[in-house]
């Protein structure tokens, strides 16, 4: 049994992640309750209300911070402060010689708060596991994480200009509408790369593999191609290679976080049968998920669900939720163009 709630995070073009979940494991009477990222402050407040109301408890077995970007971590303080959190999983740059890293201060503030409330604190490196081995951190390894911290000091100094949205790069909205245009069937698939790749901060994201009722669920944070493949290598050593029934597309389905080879590795080959769901947490005005990424998942038997201002639930053998009415928006096949970069 599991139920997973994907919260609407962000406004305008800003997206983020906030996920609550509850699942059962053999040998334990009470289900496991977890939080994976907590979006902005308002999302933390929503989680604090949601978990007692719908999960019937204020006890949270684990809270996982995938990485310290504000759209993932700002709501964590409310969750740790107001609920009974038993374990906080968070990377601590200062423990690796990078106390000046911008992620160090929020991490240490959360650690201090968690410890004051009696919670344990664990850094989520590959191999961390628990809850009957349902829970496995697939990546990063400590060495990979420290390499990403070192790269962050370089990229911060170089300070590349921020990427503009399609709407900002082109006059009018006709181009954006063309990119998002629905099709009756998927266009022929062509190879694509990750359009320049993602930054080392995102590539330091913790990647979580859950195995529940023989169903594989994967949460990628904002990881990019090298981080995902590094994590998949670790899962291969554990023979934990089942294609996921639910996966959260990294960085809201950005083109910069996936290439076709990595998608094939994670999701397999084309399939006309529905196998699972790929979720993209996106704001209502976001250009994501990338049509190329969304279509690549769709060709492999995955429906692509987007939040777009709506919190929704996916459940397997879970009890009904009276009064819950949160329809899921499923993307159709989308037109692909050379401008599909975000």
Protein backbone atom coordinates (compact mmCIF):
# COMPACT_ATOMS: atom_id res chain seq x y z
CA UNK A 1 0.00 0.00 0.00
CA UNK A 2 1.15 3.51 -0.73
CA UNK A 3 -0.26 6.95 -1.28
CA UNK A 4 1.79 9.86 -2.54
CA UNK A 5 0.69 13.49 -2.57
CA UNK A 6 2.37 15.87 -5.00
CA UNK A 7 1.84 19.47 -3.92
CA UNK A 8 1.41 22.48 -6.16
CA UNK A 9 4.57 24.53 -5.67
CA UNK A 10 5.50 27.91 -7.05
CA UNK A 11 3.89 30.76 -8.90
CA UNK A 12 4.61 32.53 -12.15
CA UNK A 13 7.44 30.60 -13.76
CA UNK A 14 8.97 29.41 -10.46
CA UNK A 15 8.43 25.71 -9.76
CA UNK A 16 9.45 23.52 -6.85
CA UNK A 17 8.90 20.17 -5.15
CA UNK A 18 6.94 19.17 -2.05
CA UNK A 19 5.91 15.54 -1.64
CA UNK A 20 4.23 13.67 1.22
CA UNK A 21 3.84 9.92 1.26
CA UNK A 22 2.57 7.09 3.39
CA UNK A 23 3.24 3.41 2.78
CA UNK A 24 3.06 0.03 4.47
CA UNK A 25 5.87 -2.49 4.94
CA UNK A 26 5.70 -6.09 6.18
CA UNK A 27 6.18 -6.52 9.91
CA UNK A 28 5.17 -3.02 10.89
CA UNK A 29 1.69 -2.15 12.14
CA UNK A 30 1.75 1.56 11.38
CA UNK A 31 2.59 2.84 7.88
CA UNK A 32 5.78 4.76 7.15
CA UNK A 33 5.17 8.49 6.73
CA UNK A 34 7.67 10.61 4.84
CA UNK A 35 8.26 14.01 3.28
CA UNK A 36 10.52 14.55 0.27
CA UNK A 37 11.31 18.25 -0.02
CA UNK A 38 8.88 20.88 1.23
CA UNK A 39 8.78 23.62 -1.39
CA UNK A 40 8.45 27.21 -0.22
CA UNK A 41 7.32 28.33 3.24
CA UNK A 42 3.62 28.13 2.35
CA UNK A 43 4.08 24.54 1.19
CA UNK A 44 5.61 23.64 4.54
CA UNK A 45 2.50 25.00 6.20
CA UNK A 46 0.34 22.93 3.84
CA UNK A 47 2.27 19.78 4.71
CA UNK A 48 1.82 20.46 8.43
CA UNK A 49 -1.96 20.57 7.91
CA UNK A 50 -2.13 17.77 5.36
CA UNK A 51 -0.32 14.98 7.19
CA UNK A 52 -2.47 14.89 10.36
CA UNK A 53 -5.65 15.42 8.35
CA UNK A 54 -5.13 12.75 5.71
CA UNK A 55 -2.55 10.39 7.26
CA UNK A 56 -4.03 10.50 10.76
CA UNK A 57 -0.77 11.22 12.56
CA UNK A 58 1.67 14.00 13.38
CA UNK A 59 4.60 11.55 13.39
CA UNK A 60 6.86 11.62 10.34
CA UNK A 61 9.40 8.83 10.01
CA UNK A 62 11.69 10.67 7.62
CA UNK A 63 12.09 14.04 6.00
CA UNK A 64 14.43 14.09 3.00
CA UNK A 65 15.91 17.31 1.69
CA UNK A 66 17.22 16.48 -1.78
CA UNK A 67 19.23 19.72 -2.05
CA UNK A 68 19.14 23.21 -0.53
CA UNK A 69 17.48 25.29 -3.25
CA UNK A 70 14.72 27.51 -1.83
CA UNK A 71 11.99 25.86 -3.90
CA UNK A 72 12.76 22.57 -2.14
CA UNK A 73 13.97 23.50 1.35
CA UNK A 74 12.21 26.67 2.51
CA UNK A 75 9.17 24.80 3.85
CA UNK A 76 11.27 22.23 5.75
CA UNK A 77 11.54 24.35 8.88
CA UNK A 78 7.78 24.32 9.38
CA UNK A 79 7.62 20.54 8.94
CA UNK A 80 10.43 19.88 11.43
CA UNK A 81 9.17 22.50 13.88
CA UNK A 82 5.52 21.51 13.98
CA UNK A 83 5.49 17.75 13.36
CA UNK A 84 7.17 14.89 15.22
CA UNK A 85 9.99 14.16 12.77
CA UNK A 86 12.07 11.13 13.68
CA UNK A 87 14.81 11.38 11.07
CA UNK A 88 16.09 14.29 8.97
CA UNK A 89 18.11 13.34 5.91
CA UNK A 90 20.07 16.32 4.65
CA UNK A 91 23.48 17.05 3.15
CA UNK A 92 25.70 19.31 5.23
CA UNK A 93 28.28 21.18 3.11
CA UNK A 94 30.05 22.47 6.22
CA UNK A 95 30.89 18.93 7.29
CA UNK A 96 32.86 18.55 4.06
CA UNK A 97 34.91 21.73 4.28
CA UNK A 98 32.42 24.01 2.49
CA UNK A 99 30.84 26.03 5.30
CA UNK A 100 30.77 29.06 2.96
CA UNK A 101 28.50 27.18 0.54
CA UNK A 102 25.10 28.88 0.43
CA UNK A 103 23.44 25.59 1.33
CA UNK A 104 25.35 25.24 4.58
CA UNK A 105 23.43 27.78 6.68
CA UNK A 106 19.90 26.46 5.96
CA UNK A 107 21.14 22.90 6.44
CA UNK A 108 22.69 23.62 9.82
CA UNK A 109 19.62 25.54 10.97
CA UNK A 110 17.46 22.51 10.16
CA UNK A 111 19.92 20.17 11.84
CA UNK A 112 19.91 22.26 15.02
CA UNK A 113 16.11 22.34 15.06
CA UNK A 114 15.80 18.59 14.39
CA UNK A 115 18.27 17.62 17.09
CA UNK A 116 16.57 19.91 19.61
CA UNK A 117 13.37 17.96 19.00
CA UNK A 118 15.09 14.60 19.37
CA UNK A 119 15.31 13.62 15.69
CA UNK A 120 18.27 11.78 14.25
CA UNK A 121 20.21 13.42 11.41
CA UNK A 122 21.68 11.45 8.50
CA UNK A 123 23.44 12.62 5.36
CA UNK A 124 21.71 10.92 2.39
CA UNK A 125 24.56 9.21 0.60
CA UNK A 126 24.35 6.16 -1.63
CA UNK A 127 23.79 3.05 0.45
CA UNK A 128 21.75 4.62 3.25
CA UNK A 129 18.76 2.34 3.67
CA UNK A 130 16.00 1.45 6.10
CA UNK A 131 12.36 0.62 6.74
CA UNK A 132 12.70 -3.01 5.77
CA UNK A 133 15.00 -2.04 2.89
CA UNK A 134 12.06 -0.37 1.17
CA UNK A 135 14.10 2.85 1.34
CA UNK A 136 17.47 3.16 -0.41
CA UNK A 137 19.43 6.29 -1.25
CA UNK A 138 20.79 5.63 -4.74
CA UNK A 139 23.01 8.69 -4.96
CA UNK A 140 25.14 10.63 -4.61
CA UNK A 141 28.10 8.85 -3.12
CA UNK A 142 30.12 10.93 -0.67
CA UNK A 143 32.92 11.31 -3.22
CA UNK A 144 30.53 12.44 -5.98
CA UNK A 145 28.84 14.90 -3.61
CA UNK A 146 32.17 16.44 -2.58
CA UNK A 147 33.15 16.74 -6.24
CA UNK A 148 29.91 18.65 -6.86
CA UNK A 149 30.65 20.94 -3.88
CA UNK A 150 34.07 21.70 -5.36
CA UNK A 151 32.51 22.46 -8.74
CA UNK A 152 30.01 24.81 -7.12
CA UNK A 153 32.78 27.08 -5.90
CA UNK A 154 34.01 27.38 -9.49
CA UNK A 155 30.63 27.90 -11.13
CA UNK A 156 29.59 30.50 -8.57
CA UNK A 157 32.67 32.54 -9.38
CA UNK A 158 32.01 32.24 -13.09
CA UNK A 159 28.33 33.22 -12.50
CA UNK A 160 26.78 32.44 -15.84
CA UNK A 161 23.79 34.56 -16.87
CA UNK A 162 20.42 33.04 -15.94
CA UNK A 163 18.53 31.21 -18.65
CA UNK A 164 15.55 33.03 -20.06
CA UNK A 165 12.22 31.36 -20.59
CA UNK A 166 10.91 30.88 -24.08
CA UNK A 167 8.45 33.68 -23.49
CA UNK A 168 11.31 36.02 -22.57
CA UNK A 169 13.57 34.95 -25.44
CA UNK A 170 11.01 35.46 -28.15
CA UNK A 171 8.55 38.25 -28.74
CA UNK A 172 4.92 37.23 -28.29
CA UNK A 173 3.56 33.85 -27.27
CA UNK A 174 3.21 32.07 -30.60
CA UNK A 175 6.47 30.15 -30.13
CA UNK A 176 5.47 28.94 -26.66
CA UNK A 177 2.09 27.82 -27.96
CA UNK A 178 3.82 25.94 -30.77
CA UNK A 179 6.10 24.12 -28.33
CA UNK A 180 3.16 23.09 -26.13
CA UNK A 181 0.79 22.23 -29.00
CA UNK A 182 -1.00 18.93 -28.38
CA UNK A 183 -0.74 16.21 -31.01
CA UNK A 184 -2.90 13.17 -31.66
CA UNK A 185 0.14 10.88 -31.51
CA UNK A 186 3.82 11.09 -30.65
CA UNK A 187 6.19 12.45 -33.30
CA UNK A 188 9.01 10.19 -34.44
CA UNK A 189 11.65 10.06 -31.72
CA UNK A 190 15.05 11.54 -32.47
CA UNK A 191 18.15 11.45 -30.33
CA UNK A 192 18.74 14.42 -28.03
CA UNK A 193 21.29 15.45 -25.45
CA UNK A 194 20.84 17.44 -22.25
CA UNK A 195 21.22 20.83 -23.97
CA UNK A 196 24.28 21.87 -22.01
CA UNK A 197 23.57 19.94 -18.82
CA UNK A 198 22.68 21.03 -15.32
CA UNK A 199 24.68 22.76 -12.59
CA UNK A 200 26.65 20.99 -9.83
CA UNK A 201 24.25 22.20 -7.12
CA UNK A 202 21.41 20.27 -8.78
CA UNK A 203 23.69 17.33 -9.51
CA UNK A 204 24.35 17.03 -5.77
CA UNK A 205 20.67 16.10 -5.23
CA UNK A 206 19.85 13.04 -3.15
CA UNK A 207 18.14 10.38 -5.28
CA UNK A 208 15.70 8.06 -3.52
CA UNK A 209 14.60 4.57 -4.56
CA UNK A 210 11.55 3.10 -2.81
CA UNK A 211 10.42 -0.49 -3.30
CA UNK A 212 6.85 -1.03 -2.09
CA UNK A 213 4.73 -4.10 -2.94
CA UNK A 214 7.34 -4.97 -5.59
CA UNK A 215 6.74 -1.58 -7.21
CA UNK A 216 9.73 0.68 -7.76
CA UNK A 217 9.24 4.40 -7.07
CA UNK A 218 12.02 6.91 -7.86
CA UNK A 219 12.56 10.50 -6.76
CA UNK A 220 15.36 12.37 -8.56
CA UNK A 221 15.29 15.84 -7.00
CA UNK A 222 16.98 18.17 -9.49
CA UNK A 223 19.71 15.71 -10.51
CA UNK A 224 21.13 15.75 -14.02
CA UNK A 225 22.52 13.11 -16.36
CA UNK A 226 25.83 12.37 -14.58
CA UNK A 227 24.18 12.18 -11.16
CA UNK A 228 21.34 9.97 -12.39
CA UNK A 229 23.67 7.54 -14.13
CA UNK A 230 25.93 7.44 -11.07
CA UNK A 231 22.87 6.52 -8.98
CA UNK A 232 21.69 3.92 -11.48
CA UNK A 233 25.14 2.30 -11.31
CA UNK A 234 24.65 1.94 -7.56
CA UNK A 235 21.18 0.44 -7.97
CA UNK A 236 22.62 -2.04 -10.47
CA UNK A 237 24.96 -3.35 -7.74
CA UNK A 238 21.87 -3.99 -5.59
CA UNK A 239 19.96 -5.66 -8.46
CA UNK A 240 17.36 -2.95 -7.89
CA UNK A 241 16.73 -2.51 -11.57
CA UNK A 242 12.95 -2.69 -12.02
CA UNK A 243 11.55 0.14 -14.11
CA UNK A 244 9.77 2.62 -11.84
CA UNK A 245 5.98 2.64 -11.57
CA UNK A 246 6.19 6.26 -10.43
CA UNK A 247 9.09 8.61 -11.00
CA UNK A 248 9.47 12.30 -10.42
CA UNK A 249 11.06 13.84 -13.50
CA UNK A 250 14.22 15.66 -12.40
CA UNK A 251 14.08 19.44 -12.18
CA UNK A 252 10.44 19.56 -13.26
CA UNK A 253 11.16 17.74 -16.52
CA UNK A 254 13.80 20.18 -17.73
CA UNK A 255 15.61 19.32 -20.96
CA UNK A 256 18.89 20.14 -19.15
CA UNK A 257 18.55 17.16 -16.80
CA UNK A 258 17.95 14.25 -19.16
CA UNK A 259 19.16 12.91 -22.47
CA UNK A 260 17.65 10.12 -24.49
CA UNK A 261 20.24 7.55 -23.43
CA UNK A 262 19.51 8.17 -19.74
CA UNK A 263 15.76 8.04 -20.31
CA UNK A 264 16.19 4.67 -22.03
CA UNK A 265 18.24 3.43 -19.11
CA UNK A 266 15.68 4.48 -16.51
CA UNK A 267 12.46 3.73 -18.42
CA UNK A 268 13.42 1.16 -21.05
CA UNK A 269 12.20 0.94 -24.64
CA UNK A 270 8.99 1.96 -26.38
CA UNK A 271 5.76 0.40 -25.15
CA UNK A 272 2.15 0.73 -26.24
CA UNK A 273 0.94 -0.43 -22.81
CA UNK A 274 0.70 1.90 -19.86
CA UNK A 275 3.32 0.98 -17.29
CA UNK A 276 3.57 3.89 -14.88
CA UNK A 277 3.48 7.62 -14.23
CA UNK A 278 6.10 10.32 -14.67
CA UNK A 279 5.34 13.37 -12.51
CA UNK A 280 6.52 16.92 -13.19
CA UNK A 281 5.97 19.46 -10.44
CA UNK A 282 5.55 22.68 -12.39
CA UNK A 283 4.01 26.08 -11.80
CA UNK A 284 1.12 27.23 -13.95
CA UNK A 285 3.30 29.41 -16.22
CA UNK A 286 6.38 27.17 -16.40
CA UNK A 287 7.78 26.10 -19.79
CA UNK A 288 8.45 22.66 -18.29
CA UNK A 289 8.23 19.79 -18.71
CA UNK A 290 10.20 19.77 -21.91
CA UNK A 291 8.12 18.26 -24.75
CA UNK A 292 11.08 16.06 -25.71
CA UNK A 293 11.34 14.70 -22.16
CA UNK A 294 7.59 14.30 -21.70
CA UNK A 295 7.17 12.55 -25.05
CA UNK A 296 10.13 10.25 -24.35
CA UNK A 297 8.39 9.09 -21.17
CA UNK A 298 5.04 8.78 -22.96
CA UNK A 299 6.49 6.56 -25.68
CA UNK A 300 7.66 4.19 -22.94
CA UNK A 301 4.25 3.63 -21.43
CA UNK A 302 4.25 6.44 -18.87
CA UNK A 303 1.47 8.95 -18.49
CA UNK A 304 2.96 12.37 -17.72
CA UNK A 305 1.18 14.11 -14.85
CA UNK A 306 1.78 17.78 -14.03
CA UNK A 307 0.81 19.74 -10.92
CA UNK A 308 0.23 23.16 -12.61
CA UNK A 309 -1.36 24.67 -9.51
CA UNK A 310 -3.10 21.46 -8.43
CA UNK A 311 -2.10 19.13 -5.59
CA UNK A 312 -2.91 15.52 -6.47
CA UNK A 313 -2.61 11.99 -5.11
CA UNK A 314 -1.46 8.67 -6.52
CA UNK A 315 -2.37 5.57 -4.53
CA UNK A 316 -1.99 1.79 -4.67
CA UNK A 317 -4.17 -0.37 -2.41
CA UNK A 318 -4.62 2.66 -0.13
CA UNK A 319 -7.81 3.41 1.80
CA UNK A 320 -10.25 5.84 0.16
CA UNK A 321 -9.94 9.51 1.06
CA UNK A 322 -13.44 10.92 1.67
CA UNK A 323 -13.93 14.43 0.37
CA UNK A 324 -10.72 14.45 -1.64
CA UNK A 325 -11.26 15.81 -5.12
CA UNK A 326 -8.01 16.61 -6.89
CA UNK A 327 -8.06 15.72 -10.59
CA UNK A 328 -4.75 14.89 -12.24
CA UNK A 329 -3.69 16.76 -15.39
CA UNK A 330 -2.21 14.32 -17.90
CA UNK A 331 -0.25 15.72 -20.83
CA UNK A 332 -1.05 14.57 -24.38
CA UNK A 333 1.75 14.05 -26.92
CA UNK A 334 3.36 17.43 -27.55
CA UNK A 335 4.91 19.10 -30.57
CA UNK A 336 8.70 19.18 -30.45
CA UNK A 337 10.79 21.99 -31.92
CA UNK A 338 14.43 23.07 -31.92
CA UNK A 339 13.43 25.68 -29.33
CA UNK A 340 12.61 22.98 -26.78
CA UNK A 341 15.44 23.86 -24.41
CA UNK A 342 13.88 24.18 -20.93
